[in-house]
C-alpha atoms as a PDB file:
ATOM      1  CA  UNK A   1     -13.321  -4.015   1.003  1.00  0.00           C
ATOM      2  CA  UNK A   2     -15.071  -3.938  -2.136  1.00  0.00           C
ATOM      3  CA  UNK A   3     -14.154  -1.046  -4.250  1.00  0.00           C
ATOM      4  CA  UNK A   4     -16.704  -1.408  -6.634  1.00  0.00           C
ATOM      5  CA  UNK A   5     -13.889  -0.556  -9.503  1.00  0.00           C
ATOM      6  CA  UNK A   6     -15.239  -3.283 -12.105  1.00  0.00           C
ATOM      7  CA  UNK A   7     -16.399  -2.013 -14.834  1.00  0.00           C
ATOM      8  CA  UNK A   8     -14.193   1.225 -14.617  1.00  0.00           C
ATOM      9  CA  UNK A   9     -12.032   2.632 -17.274  1.00  0.00           C
ATOM     10  CA  UNK A  10      -8.562   4.154 -16.662  1.00  0.00           C
ATOM     11  CA  UNK A  11      -5.713   5.980 -18.192  1.00  0.00           C
ATOM     12  CA  UNK A  12      -2.432   5.386 -16.659  1.00  0.00           C
ATOM     13  CA  UNK A  13       0.374   7.752 -17.919  1.00  0.00           C
ATOM     14  CA  UNK A  14       4.161   6.542 -17.143  1.00  0.00           C
ATOM     15  CA  UNK A  15       2.642   2.868 -16.944  1.00  0.00           C
ATOM     16  CA  UNK A  16       5.067   0.974 -18.288  1.00  0.00           C
ATOM     17  CA  UNK A  17       7.047   0.408 -14.724  1.00  0.00           C
ATOM     18  CA  UNK A  18       7.886   1.208 -11.169  1.00  0.00           C
ATOM     19  CA  UNK A  19       4.581   3.207  -9.444  1.00  0.00           C
ATOM     20  CA  UNK A  20       2.670   3.331 -12.899  1.00  0.00           C
ATOM     21  CA  UNK A  21       2.481  -0.219 -13.530  1.00  0.00           C
ATOM     22  CA  UNK A  22       2.048  -1.155 -10.092  1.00  0.00           C
ATOM     23  CA  UNK A  23      -1.236   1.075  -9.944  1.00  0.00           C
ATOM     24  CA  UNK A  24      -2.021  -0.384 -13.547  1.00  0.00           C
ATOM     25  CA  UNK A  25      -2.052  -4.010 -12.468  1.00  0.00           C
ATOM     26  CA  UNK A  26      -4.128  -3.220  -9.252  1.00  0.00           C
ATOM     27  CA  UNK A  27      -6.692  -1.599 -11.164  1.00  0.00           C
ATOM     28  CA  UNK A  28      -6.625  -4.259 -13.973  1.00  0.00           C
ATOM     29  CA  UNK A  29      -7.091  -6.689 -11.014  1.00  0.00           C
ATOM     30  CA  UNK A  30     -10.291  -4.959  -9.919  1.00  0.00           C
ATOM     31  CA  UNK A  31     -11.764  -5.257 -13.241  1.00  0.00           C
ATOM     32  CA  UNK A  32     -11.172  -1.721 -14.404  1.00  0.00           C
ATOM     33  CA  UNK A  33      -9.869  -1.463 -18.554  1.00  0.00           C
ATOM     34  CA  UNK A  34      -7.015  -0.042 -19.237  1.00  0.00           C
ATOM     35  CA  UNK A  35      -5.139   2.245 -21.240  1.00  0.00           C
ATOM     36  CA  UNK A  36      -1.242   2.750 -20.598  1.00  0.00           C
ATOM     37  CA  UNK A  37       0.681   5.129 -21.688  1.00  0.00           C
ATOM     38  CA  UNK A  38       4.616   5.399 -21.671  1.00  0.00           C
ATOM     39  CA  UNK A  39       7.128   6.772 -24.428  1.00  0.00           C
ATOM     40  CA  UNK A  40       8.141   3.604 -25.786  1.00  0.00           C
ATOM     41  CA  UNK A  41       5.853   1.257 -27.585  1.00  0.00           C
ATOM     42  CA  UNK A  42       8.138  -2.037 -26.448  1.00  0.00           C
ATOM     43  CA  UNK A  43       7.788  -1.490 -22.752  1.00  0.00           C
ATOM     44  CA  UNK A  44       4.091  -1.282 -23.148  1.00  0.00           C
ATOM     45  CA  UNK A  45       3.512  -4.004 -25.081  1.00  0.00           C
ATOM     46  CA  UNK A  46       5.768  -5.871 -22.525  1.00  0.00           C
ATOM     47  CA  UNK A  47       4.140  -3.950 -19.208  1.00  0.00           C
ATOM     48  CA  UNK A  48       0.718  -4.552 -20.543  1.00  0.00           C
ATOM     49  CA  UNK A  49       1.579  -8.812 -21.387  1.00  0.00           C
ATOM     50  CA  UNK A  50       2.387  -8.577 -17.291  1.00  0.00           C
ATOM     51  CA  UNK A  51      -1.034  -7.406 -16.332  1.00  0.00           C
ATOM     52  CA  UNK A  52      -3.174  -9.124 -18.735  1.00  0.00           C
ATOM     53  CA  UNK A  53      -0.627 -12.327 -17.473  1.00  0.00           C
ATOM     54  CA  UNK A  54      -0.746 -11.806 -13.851  1.00  0.00           C
ATOM     55  CA  UNK A  55      -2.307 -13.882 -10.632  1.00  0.00           C
ATOM     56  CA  UNK A  56      -4.962 -15.969 -10.987  1.00  0.00           C
ATOM     57  CA  UNK A  57      -7.800 -14.181  -8.394  1.00  0.00           C
ATOM     58  CA  UNK A  58     -10.155 -12.304 -10.514  1.00  0.00           C
ATOM     59  CA  UNK A  59      -9.356 -14.191 -13.594  1.00  0.00           C
ATOM     60  CA  UNK A  60     -12.804 -13.194 -14.877  1.00  0.00           C
ATOM     61  CA  UNK A  61     -12.153  -9.472 -14.778  1.00  0.00           C
ATOM     62  CA  UNK A  62      -9.029  -9.831 -15.976  1.00  0.00           C
ATOM     63  CA  UNK A  63     -10.072 -11.603 -18.891  1.00  0.00           C
ATOM     64  CA  UNK A  64     -12.983  -9.271 -19.265  1.00  0.00           C
ATOM     65  CA  UNK A  65     -11.125  -5.810 -18.777  1.00  0.00           C
ATOM     66  CA  UNK A  66      -9.023  -4.986 -22.048  1.00  0.00           C
ATOM     67  CA  UNK A  67      -5.482  -3.256 -21.309  1.00  0.00           C
ATOM     68  CA  UNK A  68      -4.660  -0.878 -24.896  1.00  0.00           C
ATOM     69  CA  UNK A  69      -1.259   0.504 -24.527  1.00  0.00           C
ATOM     70  CA  UNK A  70      -0.700   4.244 -26.460  1.00  0.00           C
ATOM     71  CA  UNK A  71       3.199   4.988 -26.966  1.00  0.00           C
ATOM     72  CA  UNK A  72       2.950   8.856 -26.796  1.00  0.00           C
ATOM     73  CA  UNK A  73       6.243  11.298 -25.794  1.00  0.00           C
ATOM     74  CA  UNK A  74       4.081  13.129 -23.391  1.00  0.00           C
ATOM     75  CA  UNK A  75       6.771  16.453 -23.229  1.00  0.00           C
ATOM     76  CA  UNK A  76       4.964  17.049 -26.216  1.00  0.00           C
ATOM     77  CA  UNK A  77       1.349  19.111 -26.331  1.00  0.00           C
ATOM     78  CA  UNK A  78      -0.034  17.552 -29.040  1.00  0.00           C
ATOM     79  CA  UNK A  79       1.291  14.118 -28.150  1.00  0.00           C
ATOM     80  CA  UNK A  80      -0.919  14.560 -24.897  1.00  0.00           C
ATOM     81  CA  UNK A  81      -3.871  15.742 -26.644  1.00  0.00           C
ATOM     82  CA  UNK A  82      -3.272  12.924 -28.846  1.00  0.00           C
ATOM     83  CA  UNK A  83      -2.781  10.046 -26.232  1.00  0.00           C
ATOM     84  CA  UNK A  84      -6.577  11.443 -24.663  1.00  0.00           C
ATOM     85  CA  UNK A  85      -8.287  11.105 -27.819  1.00  0.00           C
ATOM     86  CA  UNK A  86      -7.274   7.687 -28.293  1.00  0.00           C
ATOM     87  CA  UNK A  87      -7.700   6.513 -24.971  1.00  0.00           C
ATOM     88  CA  UNK A  88     -11.423   7.666 -24.942  1.00  0.00           C
ATOM     89  CA  UNK A  89     -12.122   6.631 -28.264  1.00  0.00           C
ATOM     90  CA  UNK A  90     -10.645   2.772 -27.043  1.00  0.00           C
ATOM     91  CA  UNK A  91     -12.350   2.914 -23.813  1.00  0.00           C
ATOM     92  CA  UNK A  92     -15.361   5.086 -24.436  1.00  0.00           C
ATOM     93  CA  UNK A  93     -15.204   6.934 -21.605  1.00  0.00           C
ATOM     94  CA  UNK A  94     -12.734   7.851 -18.841  1.00  0.00           C
ATOM     95  CA  UNK A  95     -13.230   6.948 -15.450  1.00  0.00           C
ATOM     96  CA  UNK A  96      -9.901   7.485 -13.408  1.00  0.00           C
ATOM     97  CA  UNK A  97      -6.868   9.279 -14.962  1.00  0.00           C
ATOM     98  CA  UNK A  98      -3.671   9.139 -13.159  1.00  0.00           C
ATOM     99  CA  UNK A  99      -1.014  11.111 -13.853  1.00  0.00           C
ATOM    100  CA  UNK A 100       2.442   9.247 -13.082  1.00  0.00           C
ATOM    101  CA  UNK A 101       4.723  10.275 -16.155  1.00  0.00           C
ATOM    102  CA  UNK A 102       7.833  11.671 -15.242  1.00  0.00           C
ATOM    103  CA  UNK A 103      11.930  12.429 -15.817  1.00  0.00           C
ATOM    104  CA  UNK A 104      13.928  12.672 -13.132  1.00  0.00           C
ATOM    105  CA  UNK A 105      16.934  14.563 -13.054  1.00  0.00           C
ATOM    106  CA  UNK A 106      19.576  14.875  -9.751  1.00  0.00           C
ATOM    107  CA  UNK A 107      22.795  16.062  -8.789  1.00  0.00           C
ATOM    108  CA  UNK A 108      24.131  19.137  -7.363  1.00  0.00           C
ATOM    109  CA  UNK A 109      22.022  22.179  -8.646  1.00  0.00           C
ATOM    110  CA  UNK A 110      24.703  23.874 -10.042  1.00  0.00           C
ATOM    111  CA  UNK A 111      25.755  21.148 -11.506  1.00  0.00           C
ATOM    112  CA  UNK A 112      22.545  19.773 -13.801  1.00  0.00           C
ATOM    113  CA  UNK A 113      22.175  21.168 -17.300  1.00  0.00           C
ATOM    114  CA  UNK A 114      19.397  23.419 -18.218  1.00  0.00           C
ATOM    115  CA  UNK A 115      18.011  21.019 -20.736  1.00  0.00           C
ATOM    116  CA  UNK A 116      17.525  18.538 -18.647  1.00  0.00           C
ATOM    117  CA  UNK A 117      16.066  21.059 -15.946  1.00  0.00           C
ATOM    118  CA  UNK A 118      13.480  21.903 -18.647  1.00  0.00           C
ATOM    119  CA  UNK A 119      12.845  18.191 -18.836  1.00  0.00           C
ATOM    120  CA  UNK A 120      11.602  17.854 -15.795  1.00  0.00           C
ATOM    121  CA  UNK A 121       9.299  20.966 -15.984  1.00  0.00           C
ATOM    122  CA  UNK A 122       7.632  20.191 -19.564  1.00  0.00           C
ATOM    123  CA  UNK A 123       7.309  15.967 -18.911  1.00  0.00           C
ATOM    124  CA  UNK A 124       5.817  15.557 -15.335  1.00  0.00           C
ATOM    125  CA  UNK A 125       5.295  19.739 -14.528  1.00  0.00           C
ATOM    126  CA  UNK A 126       3.171  20.540 -18.221  1.00  0.00           C
ATOM    127  CA  UNK A 127       2.888  16.635 -18.481  1.00  0.00           C
ATOM    128  CA  UNK A 128      -0.029  16.355 -15.523  1.00  0.00           C
ATOM    129  CA  UNK A 129      -1.253  19.961 -16.398  1.00  0.00           C
ATOM    130  CA  UNK A 130      -2.138  19.499 -20.041  1.00  0.00           C
ATOM    131  CA  UNK A 131      -3.323  15.288 -19.360  1.00  0.00           C
ATOM    132  CA  UNK A 132      -5.874  17.030 -16.784  1.00  0.00           C
ATOM    133  CA  UNK A 133      -6.700  19.807 -19.637  1.00  0.00           C
ATOM    134  CA  UNK A 134      -7.125  16.842 -21.521  1.00  0.00           C
ATOM    135  CA  UNK A 135      -9.564  14.804 -19.690  1.00  0.00           C
ATOM    136  CA  UNK A 136     -10.955  16.286 -17.481  1.00  0.00           C
ATOM    137  CA  UNK A 137     -13.661  18.322 -19.717  1.00  0.00           C
ATOM    138  CA  UNK A 138     -14.637  15.207 -20.444  1.00  0.00           C
ATOM    139  CA  UNK A 139     -14.924  13.897 -16.795  1.00  0.00           C
ATOM    140  CA  UNK A 140     -16.936  17.257 -16.178  1.00  0.00           C
ATOM    141  CA  UNK A 141     -19.192  16.340 -18.811  1.00  0.00           C
ATOM    142  CA  UNK A 142     -20.320  13.303 -17.712  1.00  0.00           C
ATOM    143  CA  UNK A 143     -20.410  14.772 -13.983  1.00  0.00           C
ATOM    144  CA  UNK A 144     -18.210  12.205 -12.669  1.00  0.00           C
ATOM    145  CA  UNK A 145     -14.516  10.887 -12.283  1.00  0.00           C
ATOM    146  CA  UNK A 146     -11.342  10.604 -10.851  1.00  0.00           C
ATOM    147  CA  UNK A 147      -7.585  12.036 -10.798  1.00  0.00           C
ATOM    148  CA  UNK A 148      -4.609  11.026  -9.357  1.00  0.00           C
ATOM    149  CA  UNK A 149      -1.387  13.042  -9.502  1.00  0.00           C
ATOM    150  CA  UNK A 150       1.636  10.529  -8.312  1.00  0.00           C
ATOM    151  CA  UNK A 151       3.809  13.325  -7.099  1.00  0.00           C
ATOM    152  CA  UNK A 152       6.731  12.889  -4.192  1.00  0.00           C
ATOM    153  CA  UNK A 153       7.545  13.743  -1.085  1.00  0.00           C
ATOM    154  CA  UNK A 154      10.063  16.720  -1.231  1.00  0.00           C
ATOM    155  CA  UNK A 155       7.126  18.841  -2.751  1.00  0.00           C
ATOM    156  CA  UNK A 156       6.920  19.441   1.231  1.00  0.00           C
ATOM    157  CA  UNK A 157      10.816  18.998   2.210  1.00  0.00           C
ATOM    158  CA  UNK A 158      13.032  19.630  -0.685  1.00  0.00           C
ATOM    159  CA  UNK A 159      16.234  17.595  -1.579  1.00  0.00           C
ATOM    160  CA  UNK A 160      19.253  19.389  -2.018  1.00  0.00           C
ATOM    161  CA  UNK A 161      20.275  16.678  -4.914  1.00  0.00           C
ATOM    162  CA  UNK A 162      16.655  17.286  -6.708  1.00  0.00           C
ATOM    163  CA  UNK A 163      15.857  20.600  -6.103  1.00  0.00           C
ATOM    164  CA  UNK A 164      14.142  21.276  -9.624  1.00  0.00           C
ATOM    165  CA  UNK A 165      11.878  18.143  -8.793  1.00  0.00           C
ATOM    166  CA  UNK A 166      11.104  19.254  -5.513  1.00  0.00           C
ATOM    167  CA  UNK A 167       9.919  22.431  -7.414  1.00  0.00           C
ATOM    168  CA  UNK A 168       7.830  20.189  -9.702  1.00  0.00           C
ATOM    169  CA  UNK A 169       6.758  18.184  -6.961  1.00  0.00           C
ATOM    170  CA  UNK A 170       5.400  22.108  -4.708  1.00  0.00           C
ATOM    171  CA  UNK A 171       4.043  23.062  -7.582  1.00  0.00           C
ATOM    172  CA  UNK A 172       1.796  20.044  -9.045  1.00  0.00           C
ATOM    173  CA  UNK A 173       0.521  19.511  -5.420  1.00  0.00           C
ATOM    174  CA  UNK A 174      -0.793  23.657  -5.623  1.00  0.00           C
ATOM    175  CA  UNK A 175      -1.834  22.836  -8.624  1.00  0.00           C
ATOM    176  CA  UNK A 176      -4.103  19.606  -7.617  1.00  0.00           C
ATOM    177  CA  UNK A 177      -5.399  21.821  -4.724  1.00  0.00           C
ATOM    178  CA  UNK A 178      -6.120  24.858  -6.820  1.00  0.00           C
ATOM    179  CA  UNK A 179      -8.545  23.011  -9.646  1.00  0.00           C
ATOM    180  CA  UNK A 180      -9.770  20.479  -6.900  1.00  0.00           C
ATOM    181  CA  UNK A 181     -12.549  23.581  -6.353  1.00  0.00           C
ATOM    182  CA  UNK A 182     -14.014  23.856 -10.100  1.00  0.00           C
ATOM    183  CA  UNK A 183     -14.007  20.345 -10.610  1.00  0.00           C
ATOM    184  CA  UNK A 184     -15.087  19.123  -7.493  1.00  0.00           C
ATOM    185  CA  UNK A 185     -18.802  21.476  -8.663  1.00  0.00           C
ATOM    186  CA  UNK A 186     -18.788  18.601 -11.544  1.00  0.00           C
ATOM    187  CA  UNK A 187     -18.375  15.782  -9.038  1.00  0.00           C
ATOM    188  CA  UNK A 188     -14.821  15.073 -10.230  1.00  0.00           C
ATOM    189  CA  UNK A 189     -12.109  14.849  -7.343  1.00  0.00           C
ATOM    190  CA  UNK A 190      -8.707  15.043  -7.737  1.00  0.00           C
ATOM    191  CA  UNK A 191      -6.099  14.226  -5.121  1.00  0.00           C
ATOM    192  CA  UNK A 192      -2.493  13.575  -5.194  1.00  0.00           C
ATOM    193  CA  UNK A 193      -0.169  10.696  -3.583  1.00  0.00           C
ATOM    194  CA  UNK A 194       2.978  11.945  -2.490  1.00  0.00           C
ATOM    195  CA  UNK A 195       5.678   8.909  -2.192  1.00  0.00           C
ATOM    196  CA  UNK A 196       8.756   9.299  -0.615  1.00  0.00           C
ATOM    197  CA  UNK A 197      11.694   6.927  -1.338  1.00  0.00           C
ATOM    198  CA  UNK A 198      10.575   3.816  -3.658  1.00  0.00           C
ATOM    199  CA  UNK A 199      11.508   0.665  -4.006  1.00  0.00           C
ATOM    200  CA  UNK A 200      11.058   0.969  -8.279  1.00  0.00           C
ATOM    201  CA  UNK A 201      12.724  -1.101 -10.577  1.00  0.00           C
ATOM    202  CA  UNK A 202      14.688   1.518 -11.487  1.00  0.00           C
ATOM    203  CA  UNK A 203      16.033   1.747  -7.949  1.00  0.00           C
ATOM    204  CA  UNK A 204      16.803  -2.027  -7.478  1.00  0.00           C
ATOM    205  CA  UNK A 205      18.722  -1.706 -10.480  1.00  0.00           C
ATOM    206  CA  UNK A 206      20.790   1.366  -7.836  1.00  0.00           C
ATOM    207  CA  UNK A 207      21.440  -0.770  -5.453  1.00  0.00           C
ATOM    208  CA  UNK A 208      22.211  -4.038  -7.204  1.00  0.00           C
ATOM    209  CA  UNK A 209      25.357  -2.025  -8.936  1.00  0.00           C
ATOM    210  CA  UNK A 210      26.003  -0.280  -5.514  1.00  0.00           C
ATOM    211  CA  UNK A 211      26.315  -3.721  -3.634  1.00  0.00           C
ATOM    212  CA  UNK A 212      27.942  -5.218  -6.906  1.00  0.00           C
ATOM    213  CA  UNK A 213      30.462  -2.587  -6.098  1.00  0.00           C
ATOM    214  CA  UNK A 214      30.703  -2.989  -2.528  1.00  0.00           C
ATOM    215  CA  UNK A 215      30.449  -7.365  -2.569  1.00  0.00           C
ATOM    216  CA  UNK A 216      27.567  -6.951  -0.391  1.00  0.00           C
ATOM    217  CA  UNK A 217      24.449  -8.360  -0.851  1.00  0.00           C
ATOM    218  CA  UNK A 218      21.323  -6.195  -2.324  1.00  0.00           C
ATOM    219  CA  UNK A 219      19.332  -6.426   1.216  1.00  0.00           C
ATOM    220  CA  UNK A 220      22.221  -4.812   3.291  1.00  0.00           C
ATOM    221  CA  UNK A 221      22.593  -1.884   0.262  1.00  0.00           C
ATOM    222  CA  UNK A 222      18.739  -1.604   1.071  1.00  0.00           C
ATOM    223  CA  UNK A 223      19.021  -1.878   4.739  1.00  0.00           C
ATOM    224  CA  UNK A 224      21.545   0.837   5.091  1.00  0.00           C
ATOM    225  CA  UNK A 225      19.665   3.422   2.891  1.00  0.00           C
ATOM    226  CA  UNK A 226      16.262   2.599   5.315  1.00  0.00           C
ATOM    227  CA  UNK A 227      18.011   3.261   8.542  1.00  0.00           C
ATOM    228  CA  UNK A 228      17.389   6.886   7.872  1.00  0.00           C
ATOM    229  CA  UNK A 229      13.622   6.399   7.939  1.00  0.00           C
ATOM    230  CA  UNK A 230      11.525   5.856  10.888  1.00  0.00           C
ATOM    231  CA  UNK A 231       9.645   3.008  10.009  1.00  0.00           C
ATOM    232  CA  UNK A 232      13.842   1.445   8.673  1.00  0.00           C
ATOM    233  CA  UNK A 233      11.871   0.002   5.113  1.00  0.00           C
ATOM    234  CA  UNK A 234      11.644   1.955   2.059  1.00  0.00           C
ATOM    235  CA  UNK A 235       8.088   2.323   0.112  1.00  0.00           C
ATOM    236  CA  UNK A 236       6.983  -0.605  -1.907  1.00  0.00           C
ATOM    237  CA  UNK A 237       4.955   0.024  -5.262  1.00  0.00           C
ATOM    238  CA  UNK A 238       2.148  -1.850  -4.085  1.00  0.00           C
ATOM    239  CA  UNK A 239       1.735   0.349  -0.984  1.00  0.00           C
ATOM    240  CA  UNK A 240       1.206   3.518  -3.761  1.00  0.00           C
ATOM    241  CA  UNK A 241      -1.307   1.455  -5.699  1.00  0.00           C
ATOM    242  CA  UNK A 242      -3.430   0.279  -2.864  1.00  0.00           C
ATOM    243  CA  UNK A 243      -3.801   4.084  -1.762  1.00  0.00           C
ATOM    244  CA  UNK A 244      -4.375   4.731  -5.215  1.00  0.00           C
ATOM    245  CA  UNK A 245      -7.543   2.090  -5.695  1.00  0.00           C
ATOM    246  CA  UNK A 246      -8.921   3.644  -2.227  1.00  0.00           C
ATOM    247  CA  UNK A 247      -8.906   6.892  -3.885  1.00  0.00           C
ATOM    248  CA  UNK A 248      -9.971   5.974  -7.706  1.00  0.00           C
ATOM    249  CA  UNK A 249     -12.908   3.928  -5.977  1.00  0.00           C
ATOM    250  CA  UNK A 250     -16.170   5.527  -4.003  1.00  0.00           C
ATOM    251  CA  UNK A 251     -15.049   4.907  -0.710  1.00  0.00           C
ATOM    252  CA  UNK A 252     -13.890   8.767   0.089  1.00  0.00           C
ATOM    253  CA  UNK A 253     -16.306  11.048  -2.051  1.00  0.00           C
ATOM    254  CA  UNK A 254     -15.863  14.346   0.015  1.00  0.00           C
ATOM    255  CA  UNK A 255     -12.157  13.464  -0.357  1.00  0.00           C
ATOM    256  CA  UNK A 256     -10.457  15.981  -3.275  1.00  0.00           C
ATOM    257  CA  UNK A 257      -7.735  18.438  -3.601  1.00  0.00           C
ATOM    258  CA  UNK A 258      -5.480  16.761  -0.558  1.00  0.00           C
ATOM    259  CA  UNK A 259      -1.948  15.536  -1.335  1.00  0.00           C
ATOM    260  CA  UNK A 260      -1.255  12.044   0.965  1.00  0.00           C
ATOM    261  CA  UNK A 261       2.636  11.025   2.038  1.00  0.00           C
ATOM    262  CA  UNK A 262       4.068   7.886   2.107  1.00  0.00           C
ATOM    263  CA  UNK A 263       7.387   7.797   3.171  1.00  0.00           C
ATOM    264  CA  UNK A 264       7.741   5.957   6.303  1.00  0.00           C
ATOM    265  CA  UNK A 265       7.815   9.113   8.643  1.00  0.00           C
ATOM    266  CA  UNK A 266      10.581  10.485   6.831  1.00  0.00           C
ATOM    267  CA  UNK A 267       8.790  13.516   6.227  1.00  0.00           C
ATOM    268  CA  UNK A 268       9.026  16.429   9.219  1.00  0.00           C
ATOM    269  CA  UNK A 269       6.658  18.554   7.691  1.00  0.00           C
ATOM    270  CA  UNK A 270       3.321  19.217   8.314  1.00  0.00           C
END
């Protein structure tokens, strides 16, 4: 499928690893110029090098599409606004915004420190909202744009060891739906993707530690965890990236305000 993304521009937050990096890499492969935002300069530079040096396909696209790292602490409003302003300055305009930066805290609700709970709300909840407030008016003025919020399937089925994160996810799904009507009047689309348990670098490191402790292979640990999923597999970051590419393209111009779950059939809700 021809996605028509060559020459577009994108701002991706939480882009130094995991789902954010996979989406950034997929966009760049399609010829999209990028601004990568994450908290640590070193990890951003590493991510940028991995994107610009990855693969042989679409090499001409990769050579012509720049990648700009911007380090920013998205828990602070001023930092969100600075990152958005610098992104527009470096790219000229923003066609695609991917909100992915998050702070995950797991554990029993009564054992999670209040500061840790606040961080989840501020970095992911307020971080997404603030970035939309910073970028969407620019898109509305141009009468063009696409926003993708990476949320999580716990928005619909809360996890007992991820209650605060589940609350934030549910709020972001409602925010996405709620703001979509106003944005649609200016030809700006906004949708969310809610992955289930995804095999990110961080999750793989957890599996490695579990495998070492039990004296088994990483594959055995992954298979054990996948048994509770109908598809018998964890989500791959590349799958989320493929879905993001489709939403970022003009292939589905009438789709806005939607939340799309990708979790191997694990979520029982409607």
